Amino acid sequence: MEKQKLPNETLILVLGIISIITCCCWGFGLILGIVTLVLAGKATQIYIQNPELYPGYQNVKIGKILAIIGIVLSAIYILIAIYVNVVIGSEEFQIMVKEWAEEMQNQ
């Protein structure tokens, strides 16, 4: 039998990387991570049916790991953003950031 590429093998890897890069974009990394996990799940099912046909399963595993990291980082970012807005308030946070920036410029 001729060896083949898994469907969406490269896309899974690229989306996993982008999910980490966009983890601070208000949930965009979370969405990409979930899409990547769904695609990786389908590719894994295809690979399990006939593993000797598909040599590039490593890209799928790496993409899945990167997607999980992207999901975790996105969730942490969203939780911190909610905490800051609820507990501190967005106006107070902006004042704190301005004061911090002024202190950094004066040093």
N, C-alpha and C. Protein backbone atom coordinates (compact mmCIF):
# COMPACT_ATOMS: atom_id res chain seq x y z
N MET A 1 0.83 -1.19 0.00
CA MET A 1 0.00 0.00 0.00
C MET A 1 0.87 1.25 0.00
N GLU A 2 0.36 2.28 -0.60
CA GLU A 2 1.08 3.55 -0.69
C GLU A 2 0.80 4.41 0.54
N LYS A 3 1.85 5.00 1.09
CA LYS A 3 1.69 5.85 2.27
C LYS A 3 1.02 7.15 1.86
N GLN A 4 0.16 7.66 2.76
CA GLN A 4 -0.61 8.87 2.49
C GLN A 4 -0.46 9.85 3.64
N LYS A 5 -0.85 11.10 3.39
CA LYS A 5 -0.90 12.08 4.47
C LYS A 5 -2.27 12.01 5.13
N LEU A 6 -2.27 12.21 6.43
CA LEU A 6 -3.55 12.29 7.13
C LEU A 6 -4.28 13.56 6.69
N PRO A 7 -5.61 13.51 6.62
CA PRO A 7 -6.34 14.72 6.25
C PRO A 7 -6.14 15.80 7.32
N ASN A 8 -5.87 16.99 6.87
CA ASN A 8 -5.70 18.17 7.74
C ASN A 8 -4.49 18.07 8.67
N GLU A 9 -3.53 17.25 8.34
CA GLU A 9 -2.36 17.06 9.20
C GLU A 9 -1.60 18.37 9.42
N THR A 10 -1.31 19.08 8.35
CA THR A 10 -0.59 20.35 8.46
C THR A 10 -1.47 21.42 9.08
N LEU A 11 -2.75 21.43 8.73
CA LEU A 11 -3.68 22.42 9.28
C LEU A 11 -3.79 22.28 10.79
N ILE A 12 -3.79 21.06 11.30
CA ILE A 12 -3.87 20.82 12.74
C ILE A 12 -2.65 21.42 13.43
N LEU A 13 -1.49 21.22 12.86
CA LEU A 13 -0.26 21.75 13.43
C LEU A 13 -0.27 23.29 13.41
N VAL A 14 -0.66 23.87 12.30
CA VAL A 14 -0.68 25.33 12.16
C VAL A 14 -1.71 25.95 13.11
N LEU A 15 -2.90 25.36 13.18
CA LEU A 15 -3.93 25.90 14.09
C LEU A 15 -3.52 25.76 15.55
N GLY A 16 -2.81 24.70 15.88
CA GLY A 16 -2.31 24.55 17.25
C GLY A 16 -1.33 25.66 17.60
N ILE A 17 -0.45 25.99 16.67
CA ILE A 17 0.50 27.09 16.90
C ILE A 17 -0.23 28.41 17.01
N ILE A 18 -1.18 28.66 16.12
CA ILE A 18 -1.91 29.93 16.14
C ILE A 18 -2.76 30.06 17.39
N SER A 19 -3.26 28.94 17.92
CA SER A 19 -4.07 29.02 19.15
C SER A 19 -3.22 29.51 20.33
N ILE A 20 -1.93 29.18 20.33
CA ILE A 20 -1.06 29.70 21.39
C ILE A 20 -0.76 31.18 21.15
N ILE A 21 -0.49 31.53 19.91
CA ILE A 21 -0.14 32.92 19.59
C ILE A 21 -1.30 33.85 19.91
N THR A 22 -2.53 33.40 19.67
CA THR A 22 -3.71 34.25 19.87
C THR A 22 -4.41 34.01 21.20
N CYS A 23 -3.70 33.47 22.17
CA CYS A 23 -4.36 33.15 23.45
C CYS A 23 -4.82 34.40 24.20
N CYS A 24 -4.28 35.56 23.89
CA CYS A 24 -4.67 36.80 24.56
C CYS A 24 -5.60 37.65 23.71
N CYS A 25 -6.30 37.04 22.80
CA CYS A 25 -7.19 37.77 21.88
C CYS A 25 -8.65 37.50 22.20
N TRP A 26 -9.01 37.58 23.46
CA TRP A 26 -10.39 37.47 23.92
C TRP A 26 -11.12 36.25 23.38
N GLY A 27 -10.54 35.10 23.53
CA GLY A 27 -11.21 33.86 23.20
C GLY A 27 -10.94 33.31 21.81
N PHE A 28 -10.23 34.05 20.99
CA PHE A 28 -9.93 33.57 19.65
C PHE A 28 -9.05 32.32 19.71
N GLY A 29 -8.08 32.34 20.60
CA GLY A 29 -7.22 31.16 20.79
C GLY A 29 -8.00 29.98 21.31
N LEU A 30 -8.99 30.24 22.15
CA LEU A 30 -9.85 29.19 22.68
C LEU A 30 -10.64 28.52 21.56
N ILE A 31 -11.21 29.33 20.69
CA ILE A 31 -11.98 28.80 19.56
C ILE A 31 -11.08 27.99 18.64
N LEU A 32 -9.91 28.54 18.30
CA LEU A 32 -8.99 27.81 17.43
C LEU A 32 -8.52 26.50 18.07
N GLY A 33 -8.29 26.52 19.37
CA GLY A 33 -7.87 25.31 20.06
C GLY A 33 -8.93 24.23 20.02
N ILE A 34 -10.17 24.62 20.19
CA ILE A 34 -11.27 23.65 20.16
C ILE A 34 -11.42 23.08 18.75
N VAL A 35 -11.35 23.94 17.74
CA VAL A 35 -11.44 23.48 16.35
C VAL A 35 -10.29 22.50 16.06
N THR A 36 -9.11 22.84 16.54
CA THR A 36 -7.95 21.97 16.33
C THR A 36 -8.15 20.60 16.98
N LEU A 37 -8.68 20.60 18.19
CA LEU A 37 -8.93 19.32 18.87
C LEU A 37 -9.95 18.46 18.12
N VAL A 38 -10.97 19.09 17.56
CA VAL A 38 -11.97 18.35 16.79
C VAL A 38 -11.32 17.74 15.55
N LEU A 39 -10.54 18.55 14.82
CA LEU A 39 -9.86 18.04 13.63
C LEU A 39 -8.86 16.93 13.98
N ALA A 40 -8.16 17.11 15.09
CA ALA A 40 -7.18 16.10 15.52
C ALA A 40 -7.88 14.81 15.93
N GLY A 41 -9.04 14.92 16.52
CA GLY A 41 -9.80 13.73 16.89
C GLY A 41 -10.22 12.93 15.66
N LYS A 42 -10.67 13.63 14.63
CA LYS A 42 -11.05 12.95 13.39
C LYS A 42 -9.84 12.30 12.73
N ALA A 43 -8.71 13.02 12.71
CA ALA A 43 -7.49 12.46 12.12
C ALA A 43 -7.00 11.26 12.92
N THR A 44 -7.13 11.31 14.22
CA THR A 44 -6.72 10.18 15.07
C THR A 44 -7.56 8.95 14.79
N GLN A 45 -8.86 9.14 14.61
CA GLN A 45 -9.73 8.01 14.29
C GLN A 45 -9.32 7.37 12.97
N ILE A 46 -8.99 8.18 11.98
CA ILE A 46 -8.55 7.66 10.69
C ILE A 46 -7.23 6.91 10.85
N TYR A 47 -6.32 7.47 11.64
CA TYR A 47 -5.02 6.84 11.85
C TYR A 47 -5.16 5.49 12.57
N ILE A 48 -6.02 5.42 13.55
CA ILE A 48 -6.21 4.18 14.32
C ILE A 48 -6.75 3.06 13.43
N GLN A 49 -7.57 3.38 12.46
CA GLN A 49 -8.12 2.37 11.57
C GLN A 49 -7.05 1.70 10.73
N ASN A 50 -6.02 2.45 10.30
CA ASN A 50 -4.99 1.89 9.44
C ASN A 50 -3.67 2.63 9.66
N PRO A 51 -2.97 2.38 10.77
CA PRO A 51 -1.78 3.16 11.12
C PRO A 51 -0.60 3.02 10.15
N GLU A 52 -0.47 1.90 9.48
CA GLU A 52 0.67 1.74 8.58
C GLU A 52 0.55 2.58 7.31
N LEU A 53 -0.62 3.10 7.03
CA LEU A 53 -0.82 3.94 5.84
C LEU A 53 -0.38 5.39 6.05
N TYR A 54 -0.37 5.85 7.30
CA TYR A 54 -0.16 7.28 7.58
C TYR A 54 1.08 7.49 8.43
N PRO A 55 2.17 7.95 7.81
CA PRO A 55 3.42 8.15 8.56
C PRO A 55 3.47 9.46 9.35
N GLY A 56 2.63 10.43 9.06
CA GLY A 56 2.75 11.75 9.66
C GLY A 56 1.90 11.99 10.88
N TYR A 57 1.69 10.98 11.69
CA TYR A 57 0.83 11.15 12.86
C TYR A 57 1.46 12.06 13.92
N GLN A 58 2.78 12.22 13.90
CA GLN A 58 3.47 13.09 14.86
C GLN A 58 2.95 14.52 14.78
N ASN A 59 2.70 15.02 13.58
CA ASN A 59 2.18 16.38 13.42
C ASN A 59 0.82 16.53 14.09
N VAL A 60 0.00 15.51 14.01
CA VAL A 60 -1.32 15.55 14.65
C VAL A 60 -1.16 15.57 16.17
N LYS A 61 -0.27 14.75 16.70
CA LYS A 61 -0.06 14.72 18.16
C LYS A 61 0.50 16.06 18.66
N ILE A 62 1.45 16.61 17.92
CA ILE A 62 2.03 17.90 18.32
C ILE A 62 0.97 18.99 18.24
N GLY A 63 0.18 19.00 17.18
CA GLY A 63 -0.90 19.98 17.04
C GLY A 63 -1.91 19.89 18.15
N LYS A 64 -2.22 18.65 18.57
CA LYS A 64 -3.17 18.45 19.66
C LYS A 64 -2.61 19.00 20.97
N ILE A 65 -1.33 18.75 21.23
CA ILE A 65 -0.70 19.27 22.45
C ILE A 65 -0.68 20.79 22.44
N LEU A 66 -0.32 21.38 21.29
CA LEU A 66 -0.30 22.84 21.19
C LEU A 66 -1.70 23.42 21.37
N ALA A 67 -2.71 22.74 20.84
CA ALA A 67 -4.09 23.21 21.01
C ALA A 67 -4.50 23.19 22.47
N ILE A 68 -4.12 22.15 23.20
CA ILE A 68 -4.45 22.07 24.62
C ILE A 68 -3.76 23.20 25.38
N ILE A 69 -2.51 23.46 25.06
CA ILE A 69 -1.79 24.58 25.69
C ILE A 69 -2.48 25.89 25.36
N GLY A 70 -2.88 26.08 24.10
CA GLY A 70 -3.58 27.31 23.70
C GLY A 70 -4.90 27.48 24.41
N ILE A 71 -5.63 26.38 24.60
CA ILE A 71 -6.91 26.44 25.31
C ILE A 71 -6.69 26.83 26.77
N VAL A 72 -5.70 26.22 27.40
CA VAL A 72 -5.43 26.53 28.82
C VAL A 72 -5.00 27.99 28.97
N LEU A 73 -4.09 28.45 28.12
CA LEU A 73 -3.64 29.85 28.21
C LEU A 73 -4.79 30.82 27.94
N SER A 74 -5.64 30.50 26.97
CA SER A 74 -6.79 31.36 26.68
C SER A 74 -7.77 31.40 27.85
N ALA A 75 -8.00 30.25 28.46
CA ALA A 75 -8.91 30.21 29.60
C ALA A 75 -8.35 31.01 30.77
N ILE A 76 -7.06 30.88 31.02
CA ILE A 76 -6.43 31.66 32.09
C ILE A 76 -6.55 33.15 31.81
N TYR A 77 -6.28 33.55 30.57
CA TYR A 77 -6.39 34.96 30.20
C TYR A 77 -7.81 35.47 30.40
N ILE A 78 -8.79 34.70 29.96
CA ILE A 78 -10.18 35.14 30.10
C ILE A 78 -10.57 35.25 31.57
N LEU A 79 -10.16 34.29 32.38
CA LEU A 79 -10.48 34.34 33.81
C LEU A 79 -9.82 35.54 34.49
N ILE A 80 -8.57 35.84 34.13
CA ILE A 80 -7.90 37.01 34.70
C ILE A 80 -8.59 38.29 34.25
N ALA A 81 -8.99 38.37 33.00
CA ALA A 81 -9.68 39.56 32.50
C ALA A 81 -11.01 39.76 33.21
N ILE A 82 -11.75 38.69 33.42
CA ILE A 82 -13.02 38.79 34.16
C ILE A 82 -12.76 39.22 35.59
N TYR A 83 -11.75 38.63 36.23
CA TYR A 83 -11.41 38.99 37.61
C TYR A 83 -11.05 40.47 37.71
N VAL A 84 -10.23 40.95 36.79
CA VAL A 84 -9.81 42.35 36.83
C VAL A 84 -11.02 43.27 36.65
N ASN A 85 -11.90 42.94 35.73
CA ASN A 85 -13.07 43.80 35.49
C ASN A 85 -14.07 43.75 36.63
N VAL A 86 -14.23 42.60 37.26
CA VAL A 86 -15.22 42.48 38.34
C VAL A 86 -14.68 43.03 39.65
N VAL A 87 -13.48 42.64 40.03
CA VAL A 87 -12.95 43.02 41.33
C VAL A 87 -12.36 44.43 41.33
N ILE A 88 -11.51 44.71 40.37
CA ILE A 88 -10.83 46.01 40.35
C ILE A 88 -11.65 47.04 39.58
N GLY A 89 -12.25 46.66 38.50
CA GLY A 89 -12.98 47.59 37.64
C GLY A 89 -12.05 48.07 36.55
N SER A 90 -12.60 48.25 35.38
CA SER A 90 -11.76 48.59 34.23
C SER A 90 -11.17 49.99 34.34
N GLU A 91 -11.91 50.94 34.90
CA GLU A 91 -11.39 52.30 35.04
C GLU A 91 -10.23 52.34 36.04
N GLU A 92 -10.40 51.69 37.17
CA GLU A 92 -9.35 51.64 38.18
C GLU A 92 -8.12 50.92 37.64
N PHE A 93 -8.33 49.88 36.86
CA PHE A 93 -7.21 49.16 36.26
C PHE A 93 -6.45 50.05 35.29
N GLN A 94 -7.15 50.85 34.51
CA GLN A 94 -6.49 51.76 33.57
C GLN A 94 -5.65 52.79 34.32
N ILE A 95 -6.16 53.27 35.44
CA ILE A 95 -5.41 54.23 36.25
C ILE A 95 -4.16 53.56 36.80
N MET A 96 -4.28 52.32 37.26
CA MET A 96 -3.12 51.60 37.78
C MET A 96 -2.07 51.40 36.70
N VAL A 97 -2.49 51.08 35.49
CA VAL A 97 -1.55 50.87 34.39
C VAL A 97 -0.86 52.18 34.04
N LYS A 98 -1.58 53.29 34.02
CA LYS A 98 -0.97 54.60 33.73
C LYS A 98 0.07 54.95 34.78
N GLU A 99 -0.26 54.73 36.05
CA GLU A 99 0.69 55.02 37.12
C GLU A 99 1.93 54.15 37.00
N TRP A 100 1.74 52.88 36.68
CA TRP A 100 2.86 51.97 36.52
C TRP A 100 3.74 52.40 35.35
N ALA A 101 3.11 52.82 34.25
CA ALA A 101 3.87 53.26 33.08
C ALA A 101 4.67 54.53 33.39
N GLU A 102 4.07 55.45 34.16
CA GLU A 102 4.79 56.66 34.53
C GLU A 102 5.99 56.34 35.43
N GLU A 103 5.80 55.40 36.34
CA GLU A 103 6.91 55.00 37.21
C GLU A 103 8.04 54.37 36.40
N MET A 104 7.70 53.59 35.42
CA MET A 104 8.71 52.95 34.59
C MET A 104 9.46 53.98 33.74
N GLN A 105 8.78 55.04 33.29
CA GLN A 105 9.43 56.08 32.49
C GLN A 105 10.36 56.92 33.35
N ASN A 106 10.02 57.13 34.62
CA ASN A 106 10.82 57.96 35.50
C ASN A 106 12.09 57.25 35.97
N GLN A 107 12.18 55.97 35.82
CA GLN A 107 13.35 55.25 36.29
C GLN A 107 14.49 55.32 35.33
